[in-house]
Protein backbone atom coordinates (compact mmCIF):
# COMPACT_ATOMS: atom_id res chain seq x y z
CA MET A 1 -4.93 6.41 60.00
CA ALA A 2 -3.62 8.20 56.94
CA ILE A 3 -2.75 11.87 57.25
CA ASP A 4 -2.98 14.15 54.26
CA PRO A 5 0.21 16.26 54.39
CA ASN A 6 -1.62 19.10 52.63
CA SER A 7 -4.08 19.38 55.53
CA LEU A 8 -1.32 19.95 58.12
CA PRO A 9 -0.68 23.48 59.30
CA ARG A 10 2.41 25.23 57.93
CA ASP A 11 3.10 26.95 61.25
CA ALA A 12 5.93 25.18 63.14
CA GLU A 13 4.51 26.11 66.57
CA THR A 14 1.13 24.58 65.75
CA LEU A 15 2.83 21.44 64.44
CA ARG A 16 4.91 21.28 67.64
CA LYS A 17 1.73 21.47 69.76
CA ILE A 18 0.17 18.65 67.73
CA VAL A 19 3.26 16.46 68.16
CA VAL A 20 3.38 17.14 71.93
CA ASP A 21 -0.34 16.34 72.22
CA LEU A 22 0.10 13.09 70.29
CA ALA A 23 3.09 12.10 72.45
CA GLU A 24 1.07 12.73 75.62
CA GLN A 25 -1.83 10.67 74.26
CA LEU A 26 0.57 7.85 73.44
CA ASP A 27 2.09 7.98 76.93
CA ARG A 28 -1.36 7.78 78.54
CA SER A 29 -2.37 4.95 76.25
CA VAL A 30 0.77 2.93 76.99
CA ALA A 31 0.36 3.50 80.75
CA GLU A 32 -3.24 2.32 80.57
CA GLN A 33 -2.28 -0.72 78.50
CA ASN A 34 0.38 -1.58 81.06
CA LYS A 35 -2.19 -1.28 83.85
CA TYR A 36 -4.62 -3.60 82.05
CA GLN A 37 -1.85 -6.08 81.23
CA SER A 38 -0.86 -6.14 84.88
CA LEU A 39 -4.47 -6.70 85.96
CA LEU A 40 -4.88 -9.43 83.39
CA ARG A 41 -1.66 -11.14 84.53
CA GLU A 42 -2.91 -10.94 88.11
CA LEU A 43 -6.27 -12.42 87.15
CA LEU A 44 -4.67 -15.24 85.19
CA GLU A 45 -2.22 -16.00 87.98
CA ALA A 46 -5.03 -16.07 90.53
CA GLN A 47 -6.96 -18.43 88.29
CA ARG A 48 -3.96 -20.78 87.83
CA ASN A 49 -2.68 -20.74 91.38
CA ARG A 50 -5.30 -22.51 93.48
CA LYS A 51 -3.39 -21.94 96.75
CA SER A 52 -3.49 -18.17 96.44
CA GLU A 53 -6.45 -16.00 97.20
CA GLN A 54 -9.14 -16.73 94.65
CA LEU A 55 -11.09 -14.05 92.85
CA SER A 56 -14.82 -14.42 93.07
CA LYS A 57 -17.06 -14.59 90.03
CA GLU A 58 -18.33 -11.14 91.05
CA GLN A 59 -14.79 -9.71 90.96
CA LEU A 60 -14.18 -11.21 87.52
CA LYS A 61 -17.53 -9.84 86.31
CA LEU A 62 -16.68 -6.37 87.63
CA PHE A 63 -13.34 -6.42 85.83
CA GLU A 64 -15.10 -7.45 82.61
CA GLU A 65 -17.68 -4.65 82.98
CA LEU A 66 -14.97 -2.05 83.61
CA TRP A 67 -13.01 -3.30 80.61
CA LYS A 68 -16.04 -3.11 78.31
CA ALA A 69 -17.09 0.30 79.64
CA ARG A 70 -13.63 1.72 78.93
CA GLN A 71 -13.64 0.77 75.24
CA PRO A 72 -16.47 3.13 74.10
CA GLU A 73 -15.02 5.88 76.30
CA GLU A 74 -11.64 5.60 74.55
CA ALA A 75 -13.28 5.71 71.11
CA SER A 76 -15.31 8.84 71.92
CA GLU A 77 -12.25 10.54 73.47
CA ALA A 78 -10.18 9.85 70.35
CA SER A 79 -12.99 11.21 68.18
CA ARG A 80 -13.21 14.42 70.26
CA ARG A 81 -9.46 14.93 69.97
CA ARG A 82 -9.54 14.39 66.21
CA ASP A 83 -12.44 16.83 65.80
CA GLY A 84 -10.66 19.43 67.96
CA ARG A 85 -7.46 19.14 65.96
CA ARG A 86 -9.31 19.51 62.67
CA GLY A 87 -10.67 22.83 63.91
CA GLU A 88 -7.20 23.89 65.00
CA THR A 89 -5.75 22.89 61.63
CA ALA A 90 -8.41 24.85 59.77
CA ARG A 91 -7.81 27.94 61.91
CA SER A 92 -4.05 27.84 61.51
CA ALA A 93 -4.25 27.40 57.72
CA ARG A 94 -6.03 30.74 57.39
């Protein structure tokens, strides 16, 4: 995503808040990615290792549904954040 430097607020405090918000979003995103990677590793290991407890088709289906449900939620959350920051940027430029 390209950022127009001219649209950024000139106020250092507002810029600091934006940077902190972005860092927090990144931290949450990385933590969630790590969680999904761990779940995926667990699913793959369970599928490969026939001696371990096997996941049922229902469990795999539930994981798939949760995964798919999370994707639109992330997109709408990112859109809300972007829209909120645009309003903040416009207010601080005044």
